[in-house]
PDB file of all heavy atoms in Angstrom:
ATOM      1  N   PHE A   1       0.765  -1.168   0.007  1.00  0.00           N
ATOM      2  CA  PHE A   1       0.022   0.013  -0.044  1.00  0.00           C
ATOM      3  C   PHE A   1       0.913   1.154  -0.002  1.00  0.00           C
ATOM      4  O   PHE A   1       0.563   2.222  -0.773  1.00  0.00           O
ATOM      5  CB  PHE A   1      -0.918   0.022   1.249  1.00  0.00           C
ATOM      6  CG  PHE A   1      -1.494   1.274   1.472  1.00  0.00           C
ATOM      7  CD1 PHE A   1      -2.660   1.840   0.805  1.00  0.00           C
ATOM      8  CD2 PHE A   1      -1.064   2.204   2.534  1.00  0.00           C
ATOM      9  CE1 PHE A   1      -3.195   3.018   0.980  1.00  0.00           C
ATOM     10  CE2 PHE A   1      -1.600   3.439   2.699  1.00  0.00           C
ATOM     11  CZ  PHE A   1      -2.774   3.853   2.017  1.00  0.00           C
ATOM     12  N   PHE A   2       1.973   1.252   0.849  1.00  0.00           N
ATOM     13  CA  PHE A   2       2.724   2.397   0.897  1.00  0.00           C
ATOM     14  C   PHE A   2       3.557   2.674  -0.368  1.00  0.00           C
ATOM     15  O   PHE A   2       3.626   3.814  -0.961  1.00  0.00           O
ATOM     16  CB  PHE A   2       3.680   2.303   2.067  1.00  0.00           C
ATOM     17  CG  PHE A   2       4.662   3.474   2.265  1.00  0.00           C
ATOM     18  CD1 PHE A   2       4.216   4.557   2.898  1.00  0.00           C
ATOM     19  CD2 PHE A   2       5.970   3.503   1.771  1.00  0.00           C
ATOM     20  CE1 PHE A   2       4.979   5.672   3.100  1.00  0.00           C
ATOM     21  CE2 PHE A   2       6.758   4.559   1.934  1.00  0.00           C
ATOM     22  CZ  PHE A   2       6.303   5.740   2.538  1.00  0.00           C
ATOM     23  N   VAL A   3       4.093   1.610  -0.958  1.00  0.00           N
ATOM     24  CA  VAL A   3       4.831   1.756  -2.220  1.00  0.00           C
ATOM     25  C   VAL A   3       3.814   2.196  -3.394  1.00  0.00           C
ATOM     26  O   VAL A   3       4.311   3.100  -4.053  1.00  0.00           O
ATOM     27  CB  VAL A   3       5.387   0.335  -2.578  1.00  0.00           C
ATOM     28  CG1 VAL A   3       6.099   0.387  -3.948  1.00  0.00           C
ATOM     29  CG2 VAL A   3       6.501  -0.075  -1.659  1.00  0.00           C
ATOM     30  N   ILE A   4       2.657   1.703  -3.474  1.00  0.00           N
ATOM     31  CA  ILE A   4       1.742   1.955  -4.593  1.00  0.00           C
ATOM     32  C   ILE A   4       1.403   3.415  -4.243  1.00  0.00           C
ATOM     33  O   ILE A   4       1.208   4.281  -5.242  1.00  0.00           O
ATOM     34  CB  ILE A   4       0.532   1.133  -4.594  1.00  0.00           C
ATOM     35  CG1 ILE A   4       1.073  -0.294  -5.084  1.00  0.00           C
ATOM     36  CG2 ILE A   4      -0.579   1.685  -5.681  1.00  0.00           C
ATOM     37  CD1 ILE A   4      -0.134  -1.263  -5.180  1.00  0.00           C
ATOM     38  N   LEU A   5       1.055   3.844  -3.013  1.00  0.00           N
ATOM     39  CA  LEU A   5       0.660   5.291  -2.785  1.00  0.00           C
ATOM     40  C   LEU A   5       1.898   6.111  -3.139  1.00  0.00           C
ATOM     41  O   LEU A   5       1.631   7.211  -3.707  1.00  0.00           O
ATOM     42  CB  LEU A   5       0.524   5.376  -1.361  1.00  0.00           C
ATOM     43  CG  LEU A   5       0.374   6.872  -0.660  1.00  0.00           C
ATOM     44  CD1 LEU A   5      -0.934   7.411  -1.269  1.00  0.00           C
ATOM     45  CD2 LEU A   5       0.263   6.829   0.813  1.00  0.00           C
ATOM     46  N   TYR A   6       3.137   5.813  -2.900  1.00  0.00           N
ATOM     47  CA  TYR A   6       4.338   6.594  -3.255  1.00  0.00           C
ATOM     48  C   TYR A   6       4.398   6.721  -4.765  1.00  0.00           C
ATOM     49  O   TYR A   6       4.717   7.819  -5.327  1.00  0.00           O
ATOM     50  CB  TYR A   6       5.532   6.047  -2.668  1.00  0.00           C
ATOM     51  CG  TYR A   6       6.690   6.889  -2.523  1.00  0.00           C
ATOM     52  CD1 TYR A   6       6.951   7.529  -1.347  1.00  0.00           C
ATOM     53  CD2 TYR A   6       7.576   7.133  -3.510  1.00  0.00           C
ATOM     54  CE1 TYR A   6       8.030   8.400  -1.091  1.00  0.00           C
ATOM     55  CE2 TYR A   6       8.731   8.079  -3.368  1.00  0.00           C
ATOM     56  CZ  TYR A   6       8.814   8.694  -2.195  1.00  0.00           C
ATOM     57  OH  TYR A   6       9.897   9.555  -1.948  1.00  0.00           O
ATOM     58  N   LEU A   7       4.167   5.626  -5.457  1.00  0.00           N
ATOM     59  CA  LEU A   7       4.250   5.685  -6.923  1.00  0.00           C
ATOM     60  C   LEU A   7       3.113   6.488  -7.529  1.00  0.00           C
ATOM     61  O   LEU A   7       3.413   7.363  -8.436  1.00  0.00           O
ATOM     62  CB  LEU A   7       4.161   4.135  -7.501  1.00  0.00           C
ATOM     63  CG  LEU A   7       5.225   3.295  -7.445  1.00  0.00           C
ATOM     64  CD1 LEU A   7       4.884   1.844  -7.769  1.00  0.00           C
ATOM     65  CD2 LEU A   7       6.281   3.740  -8.483  1.00  0.00           C
ATOM     66  N   LEU A   8       1.909   6.355  -7.093  1.00  0.00           N
ATOM     67  CA  LEU A   8       0.771   7.159  -7.629  1.00  0.00           C
ATOM     68  C   LEU A   8       0.961   8.562  -7.314  1.00  0.00           C
ATOM     69  O   LEU A   8       0.704   9.507  -8.192  1.00  0.00           O
ATOM     70  CB  LEU A   8      -0.473   6.702  -7.054  1.00  0.00           C
ATOM     71  CG  LEU A   8      -0.968   5.271  -7.393  1.00  0.00           C
ATOM     72  CD1 LEU A   8      -2.302   4.900  -6.774  1.00  0.00           C
ATOM     73  CD2 LEU A   8      -1.159   5.177  -8.951  1.00  0.00           C
ATOM     74  N   GLN A   9       1.458   8.898  -6.159  1.00  0.00           N
ATOM     75  CA  GLN A   9       1.720  10.311  -5.801  1.00  0.00           C
ATOM     76  C   GLN A   9       2.868  10.980  -6.696  1.00  0.00           C
ATOM     77  O   GLN A   9       2.753  12.012  -7.165  1.00  0.00           O
ATOM     78  CB  GLN A   9       2.183  10.388  -4.390  1.00  0.00           C
ATOM     79  CG  GLN A   9       2.543  11.789  -3.871  1.00  0.00           C
ATOM     80  CD  GLN A   9       3.052  11.750  -2.397  1.00  0.00           C
ATOM     81  OE1 GLN A   9       2.324  11.776  -1.481  1.00  0.00           O
ATOM     82  NE2 GLN A   9       4.399  11.740  -2.346  1.00  0.00           N
ATOM     83  N   GLY A  10       3.858  10.105  -6.850  1.00  0.00           N
ATOM     84  CA  GLY A  10       4.980  10.750  -7.689  1.00  0.00           C
ATOM     85  C   GLY A  10       4.602  10.846  -9.120  1.00  0.00           C
ATOM     86  O   GLY A  10       5.038  11.912  -9.769  1.00  0.00           O
ATOM     87  N   MET A  11       3.988   9.889  -9.741  1.00  0.00           N
ATOM     88  CA  MET A  11       3.499  10.077 -11.104  1.00  0.00           C
ATOM     89  C   MET A  11       2.560  11.206 -11.278  1.00  0.00           C
ATOM     90  O   MET A  11       2.548  11.908 -12.245  1.00  0.00           O
ATOM     91  CB  MET A  11       2.916   8.709 -11.545  1.00  0.00           C
ATOM     92  CG  MET A  11       3.912   7.533 -11.646  1.00  0.00           C
ATOM     93  SD  MET A  11       5.359   7.917 -12.727  1.00  0.00           S
ATOM     94  CE  MET A  11       4.544   8.083 -14.197  1.00  0.00           C
ATOM     95  N   GLY A  12       1.538  11.365 -10.262  1.00  0.00           N
ATOM     96  CA  GLY A  12       0.514  12.352 -10.412  1.00  0.00           C
ATOM     97  C   GLY A  12       1.239  13.757 -10.271  1.00  0.00           C
ATOM     98  O   GLY A  12       0.810  14.573 -11.065  1.00  0.00           O
ATOM     99  N   CYS A  13       2.230  13.876  -9.390  1.00  0.00           N
ATOM    100  CA  CYS A  13       2.924  15.164  -9.289  1.00  0.00           C
ATOM    101  C   CYS A  13       3.610  15.461 -10.500  1.00  0.00           C
ATOM    102  O   CYS A  13       3.720  16.694 -11.044  1.00  0.00           O
ATOM    103  CB  CYS A  13       3.895  15.180  -8.106  1.00  0.00           C
ATOM    104  SG  CYS A  13       2.995  15.258  -6.439  1.00  0.00           S
ATOM    105  N   MET A  14       4.248  14.448 -11.146  1.00  0.00           N
ATOM    106  CA  MET A  14       5.068  14.764 -12.469  1.00  0.00           C
ATOM    107  C   MET A  14       4.130  15.122 -13.572  1.00  0.00           C
ATOM    108  O   MET A  14       4.405  16.083 -14.326  1.00  0.00           O
ATOM    109  CB  MET A  14       5.853  13.566 -12.826  1.00  0.00           C
ATOM    110  CG  MET A  14       7.103  13.418 -11.918  1.00  0.00           C
ATOM    111  SD  MET A  14       8.371  12.205 -12.597  1.00  0.00           S
ATOM    112  CE  MET A  14       7.391  10.735 -12.553  1.00  0.00           C
ATOM    113  N   LEU A  15       2.933  14.361 -13.726  1.00  0.00           N
ATOM    114  CA  LEU A  15       2.160  14.708 -14.797  1.00  0.00           C
ATOM    115  C   LEU A  15       1.387  16.158 -14.653  1.00  0.00           C
ATOM    116  O   LEU A  15       1.346  16.873 -15.535  1.00  0.00           O
ATOM    117  CB  LEU A  15       0.936  13.544 -14.785  1.00  0.00           C
ATOM    118  CG  LEU A  15       1.420  12.205 -15.350  1.00  0.00           C
ATOM    119  CD1 LEU A  15       0.275  11.280 -15.112  1.00  0.00           C
ATOM    120  CD2 LEU A  15       1.875  12.248 -16.830  1.00  0.00           C
ATOM    121  N   TYR A  16       1.128  16.461 -13.344  1.00  0.00           N
ATOM    122  CA  TYR A  16       0.595  17.772 -13.081  1.00  0.00           C
ATOM    123  C   TYR A  16       1.568  18.880 -13.378  1.00  0.00           C
ATOM    124  O   TYR A  16       1.295  19.927 -13.892  1.00  0.00           O
ATOM    125  CB  TYR A  16       0.132  17.808 -11.667  1.00  0.00           C
ATOM    126  CG  TYR A  16      -0.348  19.215 -11.189  1.00  0.00           C
ATOM    127  CD1 TYR A  16      -1.672  19.613 -11.548  1.00  0.00           C
ATOM    128  CD2 TYR A  16       0.483  20.109 -10.384  1.00  0.00           C
ATOM    129  CE1 TYR A  16      -2.073  20.882 -11.163  1.00  0.00           C
ATOM    130  CE2 TYR A  16       0.009  21.243 -10.044  1.00  0.00           C
ATOM    131  CZ  TYR A  16      -1.286  21.595 -10.460  1.00  0.00           C
ATOM    132  OH  TYR A  16      -1.751  22.914 -10.058  1.00  0.00           O
ATOM    133  N   THR A  17       2.898  18.498 -12.943  1.00  0.00           N
ATOM    134  CA  THR A  17       3.910  19.594 -13.339  1.00  0.00           C
ATOM    135  C   THR A  17       4.097  19.740 -14.869  1.00  0.00           C
ATOM    136  O   THR A  17       4.289  20.820 -15.363  1.00  0.00           O
ATOM    137  CB  THR A  17       5.232  19.119 -12.741  1.00  0.00           C
ATOM    138  OG1 THR A  17       5.040  18.923 -11.376  1.00  0.00           O
ATOM    139  CG2 THR A  17       6.384  20.130 -12.910  1.00  0.00           C
ATOM    140  N   VAL A  18       4.107  18.737 -15.580  1.00  0.00           N
ATOM    141  CA  VAL A  18       4.207  18.829 -17.029  1.00  0.00           C
ATOM    142  C   VAL A  18       2.947  19.547 -17.576  1.00  0.00           C
ATOM    143  O   VAL A  18       3.096  20.396 -18.485  1.00  0.00           O
ATOM    144  CB  VAL A  18       4.074  17.393 -17.812  1.00  0.00           C
ATOM    145  CG1 VAL A  18       4.018  17.457 -19.200  1.00  0.00           C
ATOM    146  CG2 VAL A  18       5.463  16.628 -17.285  1.00  0.00           C
ATOM    147  N   PHE A  19       1.706  19.329 -17.093  1.00  0.00           N
ATOM    148  CA  PHE A  19       0.521  20.092 -17.577  1.00  0.00           C
ATOM    149  C   PHE A  19       0.686  21.532 -17.293  1.00  0.00           C
ATOM    150  O   PHE A  19       0.475  22.413 -18.070  1.00  0.00           O
ATOM    151  CB  PHE A  19      -0.700  19.570 -16.767  1.00  0.00           C
ATOM    152  CG  PHE A  19      -1.902  20.440 -16.932  1.00  0.00           C
ATOM    153  CD1 PHE A  19      -2.566  20.471 -18.074  1.00  0.00           C
ATOM    154  CD2 PHE A  19      -2.398  21.134 -15.864  1.00  0.00           C
ATOM    155  CE1 PHE A  19      -3.635  21.396 -18.244  1.00  0.00           C
ATOM    156  CE2 PHE A  19      -3.396  21.951 -15.883  1.00  0.00           C
ATOM    157  CZ  PHE A  19      -4.157  22.101 -17.077  1.00  0.00           C
ATOM    158  N   CYS A  20       1.232  21.892 -16.040  1.00  0.00           N
ATOM    159  CA  CYS A  20       1.421  23.313 -15.738  1.00  0.00           C
ATOM    160  C   CYS A  20       2.547  24.056 -16.591  1.00  0.00           C
ATOM    161  O   CYS A  20       2.279  25.070 -17.061  1.00  0.00           O
ATOM    162  CB  CYS A  20       1.799  23.394 -14.273  1.00  0.00           C
ATOM    163  SG  CYS A  20       0.443  23.176 -13.060  1.00  0.00           S
ATOM    164  N   ASN A  21       3.545  23.297 -16.877  1.00  0.00           N
ATOM    165  CA  ASN A  21       4.603  23.860 -17.761  1.00  0.00           C
ATOM    166  C   ASN A  21       4.122  24.077 -19.260  1.00  0.00           C
ATOM    167  O   ASN A  21       4.356  25.172 -19.705  1.00  0.00           O
ATOM    168  CB  ASN A  21       5.814  22.844 -17.815  1.00  0.00           C
ATOM    169  CG  ASN A  21       6.702  23.072 -16.685  1.00  0.00           C
ATOM    170  OD1 ASN A  21       7.750  23.807 -16.665  1.00  0.00           O
ATOM    171  ND2 ASN A  21       6.430  22.524 -15.531  1.00  0.00           N
ATOM    172  N   ILE A  22       3.359  23.145 -19.797  1.00  0.00           N
ATOM    173  CA  ILE A  22       2.790  23.297 -21.100  1.00  0.00           C
ATOM    174  C   ILE A  22       1.830  24.479 -21.166  1.00  0.00           C
ATOM    175  O   ILE A  22       1.878  25.328 -22.041  1.00  0.00           O
ATOM    176  CB  ILE A  22       2.102  21.957 -21.635  1.00  0.00           C
ATOM    177  CG1 ILE A  22       3.211  20.997 -21.757  1.00  0.00           C
ATOM    178  CG2 ILE A  22       1.508  22.193 -23.013  1.00  0.00           C
ATOM    179  CD1 ILE A  22       2.585  19.564 -21.960  1.00  0.00           C
ATOM    180  N   SER A  23       0.961  24.545 -20.110  1.00  0.00           N
ATOM    181  CA  SER A  23      -0.097  25.683 -20.112  1.00  0.00           C
ATOM    182  C   SER A  23       0.601  26.997 -19.881  1.00  0.00           C
ATOM    183  O   SER A  23       0.151  27.984 -20.552  1.00  0.00           O
ATOM    184  CB  SER A  23      -0.986  25.351 -18.909  1.00  0.00           C
ATOM    185  OG  SER A  23      -1.762  24.147 -19.043  1.00  0.00           O
ATOM    186  N   VAL A  24       1.691  27.066 -19.125  1.00  0.00           N
ATOM    187  CA  VAL A  24       2.414  28.261 -18.781  1.00  0.00           C
ATOM    188  C   VAL A  24       2.949  28.866 -20.123  1.00  0.00           C
ATOM    189  O   VAL A  24       2.861  29.981 -20.482  1.00  0.00           O
ATOM    190  CB  VAL A  24       3.397  28.206 -17.728  1.00  0.00           C
ATOM    191  CG1 VAL A  24       4.279  29.400 -17.660  1.00  0.00           C
ATOM    192  CG2 VAL A  24       2.587  28.159 -16.271  1.00  0.00           C
ATOM    193  N   VAL A  25       3.707  28.039 -20.818  1.00  0.00           N
ATOM    194  CA  VAL A  25       4.352  28.374 -22.079  1.00  0.00           C
ATOM    195  C   VAL A  25       3.302  28.735 -23.020  1.00  0.00           C
ATOM    196  O   VAL A  25       3.506  29.783 -23.801  1.00  0.00           O
ATOM    197  CB  VAL A  25       5.205  27.083 -22.705  1.00  0.00           C
ATOM    198  CG1 VAL A  25       5.868  27.516 -23.994  1.00  0.00           C
ATOM    199  CG2 VAL A  25       6.317  26.868 -21.648  1.00  0.00           C
ATOM    200  N   HIS A  26       2.225  27.924 -23.203  1.00  0.00           N
ATOM    201  CA  HIS A  26       1.227  28.376 -24.243  1.00  0.00           C
ATOM    202  C   HIS A  26       0.594  29.743 -23.768  1.00  0.00           C
ATOM    203  O   HIS A  26       0.447  30.517 -24.738  1.00  0.00           O
ATOM    204  CB  HIS A  26       0.077  27.371 -24.174  1.00  0.00           C
ATOM    205  CG  HIS A  26      -1.050  27.581 -25.056  1.00  0.00           C
ATOM    206  ND1 HIS A  26      -2.142  28.325 -24.706  1.00  0.00           N
ATOM    207  CD2 HIS A  26      -1.230  27.426 -26.399  1.00  0.00           C
ATOM    208  CE1 HIS A  26      -2.995  28.469 -25.707  1.00  0.00           C
ATOM    209  NE2 HIS A  26      -2.419  27.963 -26.705  1.00  0.00           N
ATOM    210  N   GLU A  27       0.346  30.035 -22.569  1.00  0.00           N
ATOM    211  CA  GLU A  27      -0.329  31.239 -22.197  1.00  0.00           C
ATOM    212  C   GLU A  27       0.708  32.493 -22.314  1.00  0.00           C
ATOM    213  O   GLU A  27       0.332  33.519 -22.760  1.00  0.00           O
ATOM    214  CB  GLU A  27      -0.765  31.208 -20.707  1.00  0.00           C
ATOM    215  CG  GLU A  27      -2.024  30.301 -20.466  1.00  0.00           C
ATOM    216  CD  GLU A  27      -3.148  30.761 -21.279  1.00  0.00           C
ATOM    217  OE1 GLU A  27      -3.383  32.004 -21.272  1.00  0.00           O
ATOM    218  OE2 GLU A  27      -3.965  29.908 -21.714  1.00  0.00           O
ATOM    219  N   LEU A  28       1.919  32.215 -22.065  1.00  0.00           N
ATOM    220  CA  LEU A  28       2.890  33.269 -22.220  1.00  0.00           C
ATOM    221  C   LEU A  28       3.097  33.689 -23.686  1.00  0.00           C
ATOM    222  O   LEU A  28       3.210  34.894 -23.948  1.00  0.00           O
ATOM    223  CB  LEU A  28       4.201  32.898 -21.548  1.00  0.00           C
ATOM    224  CG  LEU A  28       5.328  33.926 -21.600  1.00  0.00           C
ATOM    225  CD1 LEU A  28       4.737  35.055 -20.497  1.00  0.00           C
ATOM    226  CD2 LEU A  28       6.658  33.381 -20.876  1.00  0.00           C
ATOM    227  N   LEU A  29       3.120  32.737 -24.544  1.00  0.00           N
ATOM    228  CA  LEU A  29       3.297  33.073 -26.045  1.00  0.00           C
ATOM    229  C   LEU A  29       2.002  33.662 -26.573  1.00  0.00           C
ATOM    230  O   LEU A  29       1.996  34.429 -27.435  1.00  0.00           O
ATOM    231  CB  LEU A  29       3.511  31.720 -26.814  1.00  0.00           C
ATOM    232  CG  LEU A  29       4.879  31.055 -26.418  1.00  0.00           C
ATOM    233  CD1 LEU A  29       4.952  29.745 -27.163  1.00  0.00           C
ATOM    234  CD2 LEU A  29       6.004  32.033 -26.810  1.00  0.00           C
ATOM    235  N   ALA A  30       0.858  33.381 -25.927  1.00  0.00           N
ATOM    236  CA  ALA A  30      -0.424  33.983 -26.400  1.00  0.00           C
ATOM    237  C   ALA A  30      -0.964  35.083 -25.503  1.00  0.00           C
ATOM    238  O   ALA A  30      -2.183  35.359 -25.486  1.00  0.00           O
ATOM    239  CB  ALA A  30      -1.415  32.931 -26.639  1.00  0.00           C
ATOM    240  N   ILE A  31      -0.033  35.681 -24.772  1.00  0.00           N
ATOM    241  CA  ILE A  31      -0.644  36.525 -23.638  1.00  0.00           C
ATOM    242  C   ILE A  31      -1.225  37.836 -24.253  1.00  0.00           C
ATOM    243  O   ILE A  31      -2.293  38.226 -23.620  1.00  0.00           O
ATOM    244  CB  ILE A  31       0.615  36.985 -22.716  1.00  0.00           C
ATOM    245  CG1 ILE A  31       0.128  37.620 -21.411  1.00  0.00           C
ATOM    246  CG2 ILE A  31       1.525  37.893 -23.433  1.00  0.00           C
ATOM    247  CD1 ILE A  31       1.047  37.856 -20.388  1.00  0.00           C
ATOM    248  N   ARG A  32      -0.697  38.360 -25.394  1.00  0.00           N
ATOM    249  CA  ARG A  32      -1.427  39.562 -25.943  1.00  0.00           C
ATOM    250  C   ARG A  32      -2.851  39.118 -26.507  1.00  0.00           C
ATOM    251  O   ARG A  32      -3.859  39.840 -26.356  1.00  0.00           O
ATOM    252  CB  ARG A  32      -0.613  40.020 -27.176  1.00  0.00           C
ATOM    253  CG  ARG A  32       0.676  40.769 -26.617  1.00  0.00           C
ATOM    254  CD  ARG A  32       1.458  41.299 -27.965  1.00  0.00           C
ATOM    255  NE  ARG A  32       2.633  42.140 -27.436  1.00  0.00           N
ATOM    256  CZ  ARG A  32       2.545  43.163 -26.947  1.00  0.00           C
ATOM    257  NH1 ARG A  32       1.516  44.068 -27.014  1.00  0.00           N
ATOM    258  NH2 ARG A  32       3.768  43.933 -26.519  1.00  0.00           N
ATOM    259  N   ARG A  33      -2.890  38.004 -27.152  1.00  0.00           N
ATOM    260  CA  ARG A  33      -4.326  37.516 -27.643  1.00  0.00           C
ATOM    261  C   ARG A  33      -5.238  37.278 -26.611  1.00  0.00           C
ATOM    262  O   ARG A  33      -6.442  37.517 -26.680  1.00  0.00           O
ATOM    263  CB  ARG A  33      -4.014  36.342 -28.542  1.00  0.00           C
ATOM    264  CG  ARG A  33      -5.328  35.595 -28.949  1.00  0.00           C
ATOM    265  CD  ARG A  33      -5.099  34.463 -29.888  1.00  0.00           C
ATOM    266  NE  ARG A  33      -4.123  33.514 -29.339  1.00  0.00           N
ATOM    267  CZ  ARG A  33      -4.415  32.604 -28.534  1.00  0.00           C
ATOM    268  NH1 ARG A  33      -5.640  32.442 -28.115  1.00  0.00           N
ATOM    269  NH2 ARG A  33      -3.469  31.797 -28.051  1.00  0.00           N
ATOM    270  N   ARG A  34      -4.705  36.736 -25.430  1.00  0.00           N
ATOM    271  CA  ARG A  34      -5.737  36.400 -24.250  1.00  0.00           C
ATOM    272  C   ARG A  34      -6.163  37.586 -23.650  1.00  0.00           C
ATOM    273  O   ARG A  34      -7.319  37.862 -23.322  1.00  0.00           O
ATOM    274  CB  ARG A  34      -4.850  35.543 -23.304  1.00  0.00           C
ATOM    275  CG  ARG A  34      -5.671  35.236 -22.066  1.00  0.00           C
ATOM    276  CD  ARG A  34      -4.841  34.100 -21.305  1.00  0.00           C
ATOM    277  NE  ARG A  34      -3.651  34.579 -20.952  1.00  0.00           N
ATOM    278  CZ  ARG A  34      -3.259  35.391 -19.990  1.00  0.00           C
ATOM    279  NH1 ARG A  34      -4.218  35.903 -19.300  1.00  0.00           N
ATOM    280  NH2 ARG A  34      -2.049  35.710 -19.688  1.00  0.00           N
ATOM    281  N   ILE A  35      -5.231  38.595 -23.474  1.00  0.00           N
ATOM    282  CA  ILE A  35      -5.660  39.847 -22.617  1.00  0.00           C
ATOM    283  C   ILE A  35      -6.539  40.644 -23.692  1.00  0.00           C
ATOM    284  O   ILE A  35      -7.403  41.283 -23.231  1.00  0.00           O
ATOM    285  CB  ILE A  35      -4.394  40.604 -22.236  1.00  0.00           C
ATOM    286  CG1 ILE A  35      -3.780  39.720 -21.021  1.00  0.00           C
ATOM    287  CG2 ILE A  35      -4.764  41.830 -21.541  1.00  0.00           C
ATOM    288  CD1 ILE A  35      -2.514  40.298 -20.540  1.00  0.00           C
ATOM    289  N   GLY A  36      -6.120  40.754 -24.904  1.00  0.00           N
ATOM    290  CA  GLY A  36      -6.827  41.615 -25.921  1.00  0.00           C
ATOM    291  C   GLY A  36      -6.201  42.975 -25.991  1.00  0.00           C
ATOM    292  O   GLY A  36      -5.630  43.532 -25.028  1.00  0.00           O
ATOM    293  N   PRO A  37      -6.142  43.491 -27.174  1.00  0.00           N
ATOM    294  CA  PRO A  37      -5.581  44.829 -27.469  1.00  0.00           C
ATOM    295  C   PRO A  37      -6.264  45.909 -26.844  1.00  0.00           C
ATOM    296  O   PRO A  37      -7.476  45.992 -26.928  1.00  0.00           O
ATOM    297  CB  PRO A  37      -5.641  44.905 -29.100  1.00  0.00           C
ATOM    298  CG  PRO A  37      -6.685  44.049 -29.416  1.00  0.00           C
ATOM    299  CD  PRO A  37      -6.749  42.958 -28.428  1.00  0.00           C
ATOM    300  N   GLY A  38      -5.501  46.690 -26.130  1.00  0.00           N
ATOM    301  CA  GLY A  38      -6.145  47.847 -25.505  1.00  0.00           C
ATOM    302  C   GLY A  38      -6.663  47.794 -24.077  1.00  0.00           C
ATOM    303  O   GLY A  38      -7.069  48.640 -23.493  1.00  0.00           O
ATOM    304  N   SER A  39      -7.000  46.455 -23.696  1.00  0.00           N
ATOM    305  CA  SER A  39      -7.481  46.160 -22.419  1.00  0.00           C
ATOM    306  C   SER A  39      -6.569  46.414 -21.320  1.00  0.00           C
ATOM    307  O   SER A  39      -6.857  46.855 -20.187  1.00  0.00           O
ATOM    308  CB  SER A  39      -8.131  44.761 -22.359  1.00  0.00           C
ATOM    309  OG  SER A  39      -7.127  43.874 -22.526  1.00  0.00           O
ATOM    310  N   LYS A  40      -5.293  46.042 -21.588  1.00  0.00           N
ATOM    311  CA  LYS A  40      -4.270  46.115 -20.555  1.00  0.00           C
ATOM    312  C   LYS A  40      -2.934  46.200 -21.225  1.00  0.00           C
ATOM    313  O   LYS A  40      -2.595  45.337 -22.179  1.00  0.00           O
ATOM    314  CB  LYS A  40      -4.232  45.087 -19.476  1.00  0.00           C
ATOM    315  CG  LYS A  40      -3.225  45.233 -18.447  1.00  0.00           C
ATOM    316  CD  LYS A  40      -3.361  44.217 -17.416  1.00  0.00           C
ATOM    317  CE  LYS A  40      -2.229  44.333 -16.380  1.00  0.00           C
ATOM    318  NZ  LYS A  40      -2.299  43.237 -15.447  1.00  0.00           N
TER     319      LYS A  40
END
């Protein structure tokens, strides 16, 4: 139980970190389009 818990937690943290990195890069590259011209 402890080993599987450690495995699931480790894999979940890594997948979540990958998701956050991809989202951040995408949002940073599209930051002007997301905010809109003239709004800020």
